[in-house]
Amino acid sequence: MPCALRQVVTYVFSDRHIKRNSLPMLYLASDHRGVVLKRKLATFCAREGIVFEDLGTHTPKPVDYPDYVKKVVARMRKHPRAQGVLICGSGIGMVIAANRYPCIRASVAHTVAEAVRGKREDNTNVLVFAGDTIHAHKAQTILAAWRATLFESVSRRTRRTHKMG
């Protein structure tokens, strides 16, 4: 693990930040173009003690991404604190499909700053990656930072997220 990633992960899961067991369940899903990155993220989650469930797909055989968005959304409806990670080739299809559901606030993140800002300011509960373009180590760093970030529940931000459903 590169030094920078190790430092982020160490901080993210330290007692100074958030205890591991206080983090919500994480549901992972991808289409065929995101399956390789999803496997690497699942390995990362297991190694870091993140409680997660891999909802598929598990092979490179072509599938339709909306089917996997539905799986994540169904689980998240049962567990409102849960979070999701969706991966497709560009991230665009997954984020469009996910944001059709009232309980979902999904964003594509290419950087740690984008992911952290999405969580802090818009209370995102689904993180979407572009499997074709993002390196696994970068995705791991982004995921760790996003999971550790808390929603800044100042009145204007809370008001805005309530308007979205």
N, C-alpha and C. Protein backbone atom coordinates (compact mmCIF):
# COMPACT_ATOMS: atom_id res chain seq x y z
N MET A 1 0.85 -1.17 0.00
CA MET A 1 0.00 0.00 0.00
C MET A 1 0.90 1.23 0.00
N PRO A 2 0.68 2.17 -0.93
CA PRO A 2 1.50 3.38 -0.97
C PRO A 2 1.39 4.17 0.34
N CYS A 3 2.42 4.90 0.66
CA CYS A 3 2.51 5.63 1.92
C CYS A 3 1.33 6.58 2.13
N ALA A 4 0.98 7.35 1.11
CA ALA A 4 -0.11 8.32 1.24
C ALA A 4 -1.42 7.62 1.56
N LEU A 5 -1.69 6.51 0.88
CA LEU A 5 -2.92 5.75 1.14
C LEU A 5 -2.90 5.21 2.56
N ARG A 6 -1.78 4.69 3.00
CA ARG A 6 -1.66 4.14 4.35
C ARG A 6 -1.95 5.22 5.38
N GLN A 7 -1.46 6.43 5.16
CA GLN A 7 -1.69 7.53 6.11
C GLN A 7 -3.17 7.90 6.17
N VAL A 8 -3.82 7.97 5.02
CA VAL A 8 -5.25 8.30 4.99
C VAL A 8 -6.05 7.22 5.70
N VAL A 9 -5.78 5.96 5.37
CA VAL A 9 -6.52 4.86 5.97
C VAL A 9 -6.28 4.82 7.47
N THR A 10 -5.05 5.02 7.91
CA THR A 10 -4.73 5.02 9.34
C THR A 10 -5.51 6.10 10.06
N TYR A 11 -5.55 7.30 9.50
CA TYR A 11 -6.30 8.39 10.12
C TYR A 11 -7.79 8.11 10.10
N VAL A 12 -8.29 7.67 8.96
CA VAL A 12 -9.72 7.46 8.80
C VAL A 12 -10.25 6.48 9.84
N PHE A 13 -9.50 5.42 10.10
CA PHE A 13 -9.98 4.39 11.01
C PHE A 13 -9.40 4.50 12.41
N SER A 14 -8.79 5.63 12.73
CA SER A 14 -8.25 5.81 14.07
C SER A 14 -9.37 6.24 15.01
N ASP A 15 -9.15 6.06 16.31
CA ASP A 15 -10.13 6.48 17.30
C ASP A 15 -10.32 7.99 17.32
N ARG A 16 -9.33 8.72 16.81
CA ARG A 16 -9.46 10.18 16.76
C ARG A 16 -10.53 10.59 15.78
N HIS A 17 -10.87 9.74 14.85
CA HIS A 17 -11.81 10.12 13.81
C HIS A 17 -13.15 9.43 14.03
N ILE A 18 -13.29 8.22 13.57
CA ILE A 18 -14.53 7.47 13.73
C ILE A 18 -14.15 6.03 14.01
N LYS A 19 -14.80 5.43 14.97
CA LYS A 19 -14.53 4.02 15.24
C LYS A 19 -15.11 3.18 14.13
N ARG A 20 -14.37 2.15 13.75
CA ARG A 20 -14.78 1.27 12.65
C ARG A 20 -16.18 0.72 12.83
N ASN A 21 -16.50 0.24 14.03
CA ASN A 21 -17.78 -0.41 14.22
C ASN A 21 -18.95 0.56 14.24
N SER A 22 -18.69 1.86 14.23
CA SER A 22 -19.78 2.82 14.19
C SER A 22 -20.16 3.18 12.75
N LEU A 23 -19.37 2.72 11.79
CA LEU A 23 -19.67 3.03 10.40
C LEU A 23 -20.79 2.13 9.89
N PRO A 24 -21.65 2.67 9.03
CA PRO A 24 -22.77 1.88 8.52
C PRO A 24 -22.34 0.78 7.55
N MET A 25 -23.26 -0.15 7.34
CA MET A 25 -23.07 -1.24 6.38
C MET A 25 -22.81 -0.63 5.00
N LEU A 26 -21.97 -1.28 4.23
CA LEU A 26 -21.64 -0.83 2.88
C LEU A 26 -22.05 -1.90 1.88
N TYR A 27 -22.82 -1.50 0.88
CA TYR A 27 -23.24 -2.41 -0.19
C TYR A 27 -22.48 -2.05 -1.45
N LEU A 28 -21.83 -3.04 -2.05
CA LEU A 28 -21.06 -2.86 -3.27
C LEU A 28 -21.78 -3.53 -4.42
N ALA A 29 -21.80 -2.88 -5.58
CA ALA A 29 -22.34 -3.49 -6.79
C ALA A 29 -21.70 -2.84 -8.00
N SER A 30 -21.65 -3.61 -9.08
CA SER A 30 -21.08 -3.09 -10.33
C SER A 30 -21.72 -3.80 -11.51
N ASP A 31 -21.53 -3.19 -12.66
CA ASP A 31 -21.84 -3.92 -13.89
C ASP A 31 -20.56 -4.63 -14.32
N HIS A 32 -20.58 -5.19 -15.50
CA HIS A 32 -19.43 -5.96 -15.98
C HIS A 32 -18.16 -5.12 -16.14
N ARG A 33 -18.31 -3.83 -16.44
CA ARG A 33 -17.14 -2.98 -16.63
C ARG A 33 -16.53 -2.52 -15.30
N GLY A 34 -17.24 -2.72 -14.22
CA GLY A 34 -16.72 -2.32 -12.91
C GLY A 34 -16.32 -3.47 -12.02
N VAL A 35 -16.47 -4.70 -12.52
CA VAL A 35 -16.26 -5.88 -11.66
C VAL A 35 -14.83 -5.99 -11.14
N VAL A 36 -13.84 -5.63 -11.92
CA VAL A 36 -12.44 -5.73 -11.47
C VAL A 36 -12.19 -4.76 -10.32
N LEU A 37 -12.61 -3.51 -10.48
CA LEU A 37 -12.43 -2.53 -9.41
C LEU A 37 -13.24 -2.94 -8.17
N LYS A 38 -14.43 -3.44 -8.37
CA LYS A 38 -15.26 -3.85 -7.23
C LYS A 38 -14.57 -4.95 -6.42
N ARG A 39 -13.97 -5.91 -7.10
CA ARG A 39 -13.24 -6.97 -6.39
C ARG A 39 -12.11 -6.39 -5.54
N LYS A 40 -11.41 -5.42 -6.11
CA LYS A 40 -10.30 -4.80 -5.37
C LYS A 40 -10.82 -4.00 -4.18
N LEU A 41 -11.95 -3.33 -4.35
CA LEU A 41 -12.55 -2.59 -3.23
C LEU A 41 -13.07 -3.55 -2.16
N ALA A 42 -13.62 -4.68 -2.57
CA ALA A 42 -14.09 -5.69 -1.61
C ALA A 42 -12.92 -6.23 -0.79
N THR A 43 -11.81 -6.49 -1.45
CA THR A 43 -10.61 -6.95 -0.74
C THR A 43 -10.13 -5.90 0.25
N PHE A 44 -10.13 -4.65 -0.19
CA PHE A 44 -9.75 -3.54 0.69
C PHE A 44 -10.67 -3.46 1.90
N CYS A 45 -11.97 -3.54 1.66
CA CYS A 45 -12.95 -3.47 2.76
C CYS A 45 -12.73 -4.61 3.76
N ALA A 46 -12.54 -5.80 3.25
CA ALA A 46 -12.31 -6.95 4.13
C ALA A 46 -11.04 -6.76 4.96
N ARG A 47 -9.99 -6.29 4.32
CA ARG A 47 -8.72 -6.07 5.01
C ARG A 47 -8.84 -5.00 6.09
N GLU A 48 -9.66 -3.98 5.84
CA GLU A 48 -9.80 -2.87 6.78
C GLU A 48 -10.92 -3.08 7.80
N GLY A 49 -11.59 -4.22 7.74
CA GLY A 49 -12.64 -4.51 8.72
C GLY A 49 -13.95 -3.80 8.45
N ILE A 50 -14.16 -3.35 7.23
CA ILE A 50 -15.41 -2.69 6.87
C ILE A 50 -16.46 -3.76 6.62
N VAL A 51 -17.60 -3.62 7.26
CA VAL A 51 -18.69 -4.57 7.07
C VAL A 51 -19.37 -4.23 5.74
N PHE A 52 -19.38 -5.20 4.82
CA PHE A 52 -19.92 -4.94 3.49
C PHE A 52 -20.57 -6.19 2.93
N GLU A 53 -21.36 -5.97 1.88
CA GLU A 53 -21.94 -7.08 1.12
C GLU A 53 -21.75 -6.77 -0.36
N ASP A 54 -21.24 -7.74 -1.08
CA ASP A 54 -21.03 -7.62 -2.53
C ASP A 54 -22.28 -8.16 -3.22
N LEU A 55 -23.01 -7.28 -3.90
CA LEU A 55 -24.27 -7.65 -4.54
C LEU A 55 -24.11 -7.97 -6.02
N GLY A 56 -22.89 -8.11 -6.49
CA GLY A 56 -22.67 -8.50 -7.89
C GLY A 56 -22.36 -7.31 -8.77
N THR A 57 -22.22 -7.57 -9.97
CA THR A 57 -22.03 -8.80 -10.69
C THR A 57 -20.67 -9.38 -10.34
N HIS A 58 -20.49 -10.65 -10.66
CA HIS A 58 -19.26 -11.32 -10.28
C HIS A 58 -18.44 -11.79 -11.47
N THR A 59 -18.93 -11.53 -12.67
CA THR A 59 -18.21 -11.97 -13.88
C THR A 59 -18.18 -10.82 -14.88
N PRO A 60 -17.30 -10.92 -15.88
CA PRO A 60 -17.25 -9.88 -16.92
C PRO A 60 -18.33 -10.04 -17.99
N LYS A 61 -19.24 -10.98 -17.82
CA LYS A 61 -20.34 -11.16 -18.77
C LYS A 61 -21.23 -9.92 -18.74
N PRO A 62 -21.55 -9.33 -19.91
CA PRO A 62 -22.35 -8.10 -19.94
C PRO A 62 -23.68 -8.22 -19.19
N VAL A 63 -23.94 -7.20 -18.37
CA VAL A 63 -25.19 -7.10 -17.61
C VAL A 63 -25.70 -5.66 -17.72
N ASP A 64 -26.90 -5.44 -17.25
CA ASP A 64 -27.50 -4.10 -17.27
C ASP A 64 -27.34 -3.45 -15.90
N TYR A 65 -26.66 -2.31 -15.87
CA TYR A 65 -26.35 -1.65 -14.60
C TYR A 65 -27.57 -1.29 -13.76
N PRO A 66 -28.75 -0.92 -14.34
CA PRO A 66 -29.88 -0.58 -13.47
C PRO A 66 -30.30 -1.73 -12.55
N ASP A 67 -30.07 -2.97 -12.97
CA ASP A 67 -30.43 -4.12 -12.13
C ASP A 67 -29.61 -4.13 -10.84
N TYR A 68 -28.37 -3.68 -10.92
CA TYR A 68 -27.50 -3.69 -9.75
C TYR A 68 -27.73 -2.47 -8.87
N VAL A 69 -28.15 -1.38 -9.47
CA VAL A 69 -28.57 -0.22 -8.69
C VAL A 69 -29.77 -0.62 -7.84
N LYS A 70 -30.73 -1.32 -8.43
CA LYS A 70 -31.93 -1.75 -7.70
C LYS A 70 -31.58 -2.62 -6.51
N LYS A 71 -30.60 -3.48 -6.66
CA LYS A 71 -30.19 -4.35 -5.55
C LYS A 71 -29.66 -3.53 -4.37
N VAL A 72 -28.82 -2.55 -4.68
CA VAL A 72 -28.27 -1.71 -3.62
C VAL A 72 -29.37 -0.88 -2.97
N VAL A 73 -30.24 -0.29 -3.78
CA VAL A 73 -31.32 0.54 -3.25
C VAL A 73 -32.25 -0.29 -2.36
N ALA A 74 -32.57 -1.50 -2.78
CA ALA A 74 -33.45 -2.36 -1.97
C ALA A 74 -32.85 -2.61 -0.59
N ARG A 75 -31.56 -2.87 -0.52
CA ARG A 75 -30.90 -3.10 0.77
C ARG A 75 -30.87 -1.81 1.59
N MET A 76 -30.59 -0.70 0.92
CA MET A 76 -30.50 0.57 1.64
C MET A 76 -31.84 1.03 2.17
N ARG A 77 -32.92 0.69 1.52
CA ARG A 77 -34.25 1.02 2.04
C ARG A 77 -34.52 0.28 3.34
N LYS A 78 -34.02 -0.92 3.45
CA LYS A 78 -34.20 -1.71 4.68
C LYS A 78 -33.29 -1.23 5.80
N HIS A 79 -32.19 -0.61 5.43
CA HIS A 79 -31.19 -0.16 6.39
C HIS A 79 -30.84 1.30 6.08
N PRO A 80 -31.62 2.25 6.60
CA PRO A 80 -31.46 3.66 6.22
C PRO A 80 -30.08 4.27 6.45
N ARG A 81 -29.30 3.75 7.39
CA ARG A 81 -27.95 4.28 7.62
C ARG A 81 -26.93 3.70 6.65
N ALA A 82 -27.33 2.70 5.90
CA ALA A 82 -26.40 2.01 4.99
C ALA A 82 -25.88 2.96 3.92
N GLN A 83 -24.75 2.56 3.36
CA GLN A 83 -24.14 3.31 2.26
C GLN A 83 -23.88 2.35 1.11
N GLY A 84 -23.75 2.92 -0.09
CA GLY A 84 -23.50 2.09 -1.26
C GLY A 84 -22.34 2.59 -2.08
N VAL A 85 -21.74 1.65 -2.80
CA VAL A 85 -20.73 1.96 -3.80
C VAL A 85 -21.15 1.26 -5.08
N LEU A 86 -21.26 2.04 -6.15
CA LEU A 86 -21.64 1.52 -7.46
C LEU A 86 -20.51 1.80 -8.44
N ILE A 87 -20.27 0.85 -9.33
CA ILE A 87 -19.19 1.02 -10.30
C ILE A 87 -19.65 0.55 -11.66
N CYS A 88 -19.49 1.42 -12.65
CA CYS A 88 -19.70 1.05 -14.05
C CYS A 88 -18.53 1.64 -14.83
N GLY A 89 -18.57 1.56 -16.13
CA GLY A 89 -17.46 2.04 -16.94
C GLY A 89 -17.14 3.50 -16.73
N SER A 90 -18.14 4.36 -16.85
CA SER A 90 -17.92 5.80 -16.73
C SER A 90 -18.41 6.37 -15.40
N GLY A 91 -19.24 5.63 -14.70
CA GLY A 91 -19.88 6.13 -13.48
C GLY A 91 -21.17 6.87 -13.77
N ILE A 92 -21.34 7.31 -14.99
CA ILE A 92 -22.49 8.16 -15.33
C ILE A 92 -23.80 7.38 -15.30
N GLY A 93 -23.83 6.21 -15.90
CA GLY A 93 -25.07 5.43 -15.92
C GLY A 93 -25.54 5.08 -14.52
N MET A 94 -24.61 4.64 -13.68
CA MET A 94 -24.96 4.27 -12.31
C MET A 94 -25.48 5.46 -11.52
N VAL A 95 -24.84 6.62 -11.65
CA VAL A 95 -25.27 7.77 -10.86
C VAL A 95 -26.64 8.26 -11.32
N ILE A 96 -26.91 8.21 -12.61
CA ILE A 96 -28.23 8.59 -13.12
C ILE A 96 -29.29 7.63 -12.59
N ALA A 97 -29.03 6.34 -12.70
CA ALA A 97 -29.99 5.34 -12.24
C ALA A 97 -30.22 5.44 -10.73
N ALA A 98 -29.17 5.62 -9.98
CA ALA A 98 -29.30 5.68 -8.52
C ALA A 98 -30.10 6.89 -8.07
N ASN A 99 -29.86 8.03 -8.69
CA ASN A 99 -30.54 9.25 -8.25
C ASN A 99 -32.01 9.32 -8.65
N ARG A 100 -32.50 8.31 -9.33
CA ARG A 100 -33.94 8.22 -9.61
C ARG A 100 -34.73 7.87 -8.35
N TYR A 101 -34.07 7.31 -7.37
CA TYR A 101 -34.74 6.85 -6.15
C TYR A 101 -34.70 7.93 -5.08
N PRO A 102 -35.86 8.22 -4.45
CA PRO A 102 -35.93 9.31 -3.48
C PRO A 102 -34.97 9.19 -2.30
N CYS A 103 -34.66 7.99 -1.88
CA CYS A 103 -33.81 7.82 -0.69
C CYS A 103 -32.32 7.88 -1.00
N ILE A 104 -31.97 8.04 -2.25
CA ILE A 104 -30.57 7.97 -2.67
C ILE A 104 -30.04 9.35 -3.06
N ARG A 105 -28.83 9.62 -2.58
CA ARG A 105 -28.09 10.82 -2.97
C ARG A 105 -26.71 10.33 -3.41
N ALA A 106 -26.59 10.11 -4.71
CA ALA A 106 -25.37 9.52 -5.27
C ALA A 106 -24.54 10.56 -6.00
N SER A 107 -23.22 10.37 -5.94
CA SER A 107 -22.33 11.24 -6.71
C SER A 107 -21.15 10.44 -7.22
N VAL A 108 -20.69 10.83 -8.40
CA VAL A 108 -19.46 10.25 -8.95
C VAL A 108 -18.30 11.04 -8.33
N ALA A 109 -17.29 10.32 -7.89
CA ALA A 109 -16.13 11.00 -7.30
C ALA A 109 -14.86 10.54 -8.01
N HIS A 110 -14.11 11.52 -8.48
CA HIS A 110 -12.82 11.26 -9.11
C HIS A 110 -11.67 11.62 -8.18
N THR A 111 -11.99 12.39 -7.13
CA THR A 111 -10.98 12.84 -6.17
C THR A 111 -11.51 12.71 -4.75
N VAL A 112 -10.60 12.72 -3.80
CA VAL A 112 -11.00 12.72 -2.39
C VAL A 112 -11.82 13.97 -2.09
N ALA A 113 -11.40 15.11 -2.61
CA ALA A 113 -12.11 16.37 -2.33
C ALA A 113 -13.56 16.31 -2.80
N GLU A 114 -13.80 15.74 -3.98
CA GLU A 114 -15.18 15.63 -4.47
C GLU A 114 -16.02 14.74 -3.56
N ALA A 115 -15.46 13.62 -3.15
CA ALA A 115 -16.20 12.69 -2.31
C ALA A 115 -16.49 13.29 -0.94
N VAL A 116 -15.49 13.91 -0.34
CA VAL A 116 -15.66 14.51 0.98
C VAL A 116 -16.66 15.64 0.93
N ARG A 117 -16.57 16.47 -0.07
CA ARG A 117 -17.51 17.58 -0.18
C ARG A 117 -18.93 17.08 -0.39
N GLY A 118 -19.08 16.05 -1.22
CA GLY A 118 -20.41 15.48 -1.43
C GLY A 118 -21.03 14.97 -0.15
N LYS A 119 -20.23 14.31 0.68
CA LYS A 119 -20.76 13.79 1.96
C LYS A 119 -21.01 14.92 2.94
N ARG A 120 -20.03 15.80 3.08
CA ARG A 120 -20.12 16.88 4.07
C ARG A 120 -21.25 17.85 3.76
N GLU A 121 -21.41 18.20 2.49
CA GLU A 121 -22.37 19.25 2.14
C GLU A 121 -23.71 18.73 1.63
N ASP A 122 -23.73 17.56 1.00
CA ASP A 122 -24.96 17.05 0.40
C ASP A 122 -25.41 15.71 0.98
N ASN A 123 -24.68 15.22 1.97
CA ASN A 123 -25.04 13.98 2.65
C ASN A 123 -25.19 12.80 1.69
N THR A 124 -24.27 12.67 0.76
CA THR A 124 -24.33 11.55 -0.19
C THR A 124 -24.28 10.24 0.57
N ASN A 125 -25.08 9.28 0.10
CA ASN A 125 -25.07 7.96 0.72
C ASN A 125 -24.66 6.87 -0.27
N VAL A 126 -24.41 7.26 -1.50
CA VAL A 126 -23.90 6.33 -2.51
C VAL A 126 -22.74 7.01 -3.23
N LEU A 127 -21.64 6.29 -3.32
CA LEU A 127 -20.45 6.76 -4.02
C LEU A 127 -20.32 5.96 -5.30
N VAL A 128 -20.11 6.66 -6.41
CA VAL A 128 -20.03 6.00 -7.71
C VAL A 128 -18.63 6.21 -8.29
N PHE A 129 -18.08 5.12 -8.84
CA PHE A 129 -16.76 5.17 -9.47
C PHE A 129 -16.85 4.80 -10.94
N ALA A 130 -15.96 5.39 -11.72
CA ALA A 130 -15.79 5.04 -13.14
C ALA A 130 -14.74 3.95 -13.22
N GLY A 131 -15.18 2.73 -13.38
CA GLY A 131 -14.27 1.59 -13.39
C GLY A 131 -13.24 1.62 -14.51
N ASP A 132 -13.56 2.29 -15.61
CA ASP A 132 -12.64 2.35 -16.75
C ASP A 132 -11.45 3.28 -16.52
N THR A 133 -11.60 4.23 -15.60
CA THR A 133 -10.58 5.28 -15.51
C THR A 133 -9.92 5.45 -14.15
N ILE A 134 -10.48 4.94 -13.09
CA ILE A 134 -9.90 5.19 -11.77
C ILE A 134 -9.05 4.00 -11.32
N HIS A 135 -7.90 4.29 -10.79
CA HIS A 135 -6.99 3.26 -10.29
C HIS A 135 -7.51 2.77 -8.93
N ALA A 136 -7.31 1.51 -8.64
CA ALA A 136 -7.83 0.90 -7.41
C ALA A 136 -7.33 1.61 -6.15
N HIS A 137 -6.05 1.97 -6.10
CA HIS A 137 -5.52 2.63 -4.90
C HIS A 137 -6.19 3.98 -4.68
N LYS A 138 -6.43 4.70 -5.75
CA LYS A 138 -7.10 5.99 -5.62
C LYS A 138 -8.54 5.79 -5.16
N ALA A 139 -9.23 4.81 -5.72
CA ALA A 139 -10.61 4.52 -5.30
C ALA A 139 -10.66 4.14 -3.83
N GLN A 140 -9.68 3.38 -3.35
CA GLN A 140 -9.63 3.00 -1.94
C GLN A 140 -9.46 4.23 -1.05
N THR A 141 -8.59 5.12 -1.46
CA THR A 141 -8.36 6.34 -0.70
C THR A 141 -9.62 7.19 -0.66
N ILE A 142 -10.28 7.32 -1.80
CA ILE A 142 -11.51 8.10 -1.88
C ILE A 142 -12.59 7.47 -1.01
N LEU A 143 -12.75 6.16 -1.10
CA LEU A 143 -13.76 5.46 -0.31
C LEU A 143 -13.50 5.64 1.19
N ALA A 144 -12.27 5.49 1.62
CA ALA A 144 -11.95 5.64 3.04
C ALA A 144 -12.26 7.05 3.54
N ALA A 145 -11.89 8.05 2.77
CA ALA A 145 -12.16 9.43 3.17
C ALA A 145 -13.65 9.72 3.19
N TRP A 146 -14.38 9.24 2.19
CA TRP A 146 -15.83 9.45 2.11
C TRP A 146 -16.53 8.80 3.29
N ARG A 147 -16.15 7.56 3.61
CA ARG A 147 -16.78 6.85 4.73
C ARG A 147 -16.54 7.57 6.05
N ALA A 148 -15.40 8.20 6.19
CA ALA A 148 -15.05 8.86 7.44
C ALA A 148 -15.64 10.25 7.58
N THR A 149 -16.13 10.81 6.51
CA THR A 149 -16.66 12.18 6.54
C THR A 149 -18.09 12.18 7.05
N LEU A 150 -18.39 13.15 7.88
CA LEU A 150 -19.74 13.30 8.42
C LEU A 150 -20.46 14.45 7.71
N PHE A 151 -21.76 14.33 7.62
CA PHE A 151 -22.60 15.39 7.07
C PHE A 151 -22.56 16.58 8.02
N GLU A 152 -22.33 17.73 7.47
CA GLU A 152 -22.31 18.97 8.24
C GLU A 152 -23.75 19.47 8.32
N SER A 153 -24.44 19.13 9.38
CA SER A 153 -25.88 19.36 9.42
C SER A 153 -26.26 20.77 9.86
N VAL A 154 -25.68 21.76 9.22
CA VAL A 154 -26.11 23.14 9.45
C VAL A 154 -27.45 23.33 8.76
N SER A 155 -28.21 24.28 9.20
CA SER A 155 -29.61 24.40 8.76
C SER A 155 -29.78 24.47 7.25
N ARG A 156 -28.96 25.22 6.56
CA ARG A 156 -29.16 25.34 5.11
C ARG A 156 -28.91 24.02 4.40
N ARG A 157 -27.94 23.25 4.85
CA ARG A 157 -27.64 21.96 4.20
C ARG A 157 -28.71 20.93 4.52
N THR A 158 -29.16 20.92 5.75
CA THR A 158 -30.24 20.00 6.13
C THR A 158 -31.50 20.34 5.35
N ARG A 159 -31.82 21.61 5.26
CA ARG A 159 -33.00 22.05 4.51
C ARG A 159 -32.91 21.60 3.05
N ARG A 160 -31.76 21.73 2.45
CA ARG A 160 -31.58 21.35 1.04
C ARG A 160 -31.73 19.85 0.84
N THR A 161 -31.14 19.06 1.71
CA THR A 161 -31.24 17.61 1.53
C THR A 161 -32.67 17.12 1.77
N HIS A 162 -33.40 17.76 2.67
CA HIS A 162 -34.80 17.38 2.88
C HIS A 162 -35.66 17.68 1.65
N LYS A 163 -35.33 18.71 0.93
CA LYS A 163 -36.07 19.03 -0.30
C LYS A 163 -35.87 17.99 -1.38
N MET A 164 -34.76 17.25 -1.31
CA MET A 164 -34.49 16.22 -2.31
C MET A 164 -35.21 14.91 -2.00
N GLY A 165 -35.67 14.76 -0.80
CA GLY A 165 -36.40 13.53 -0.43
C GLY A 165 -35.59 12.55 0.33
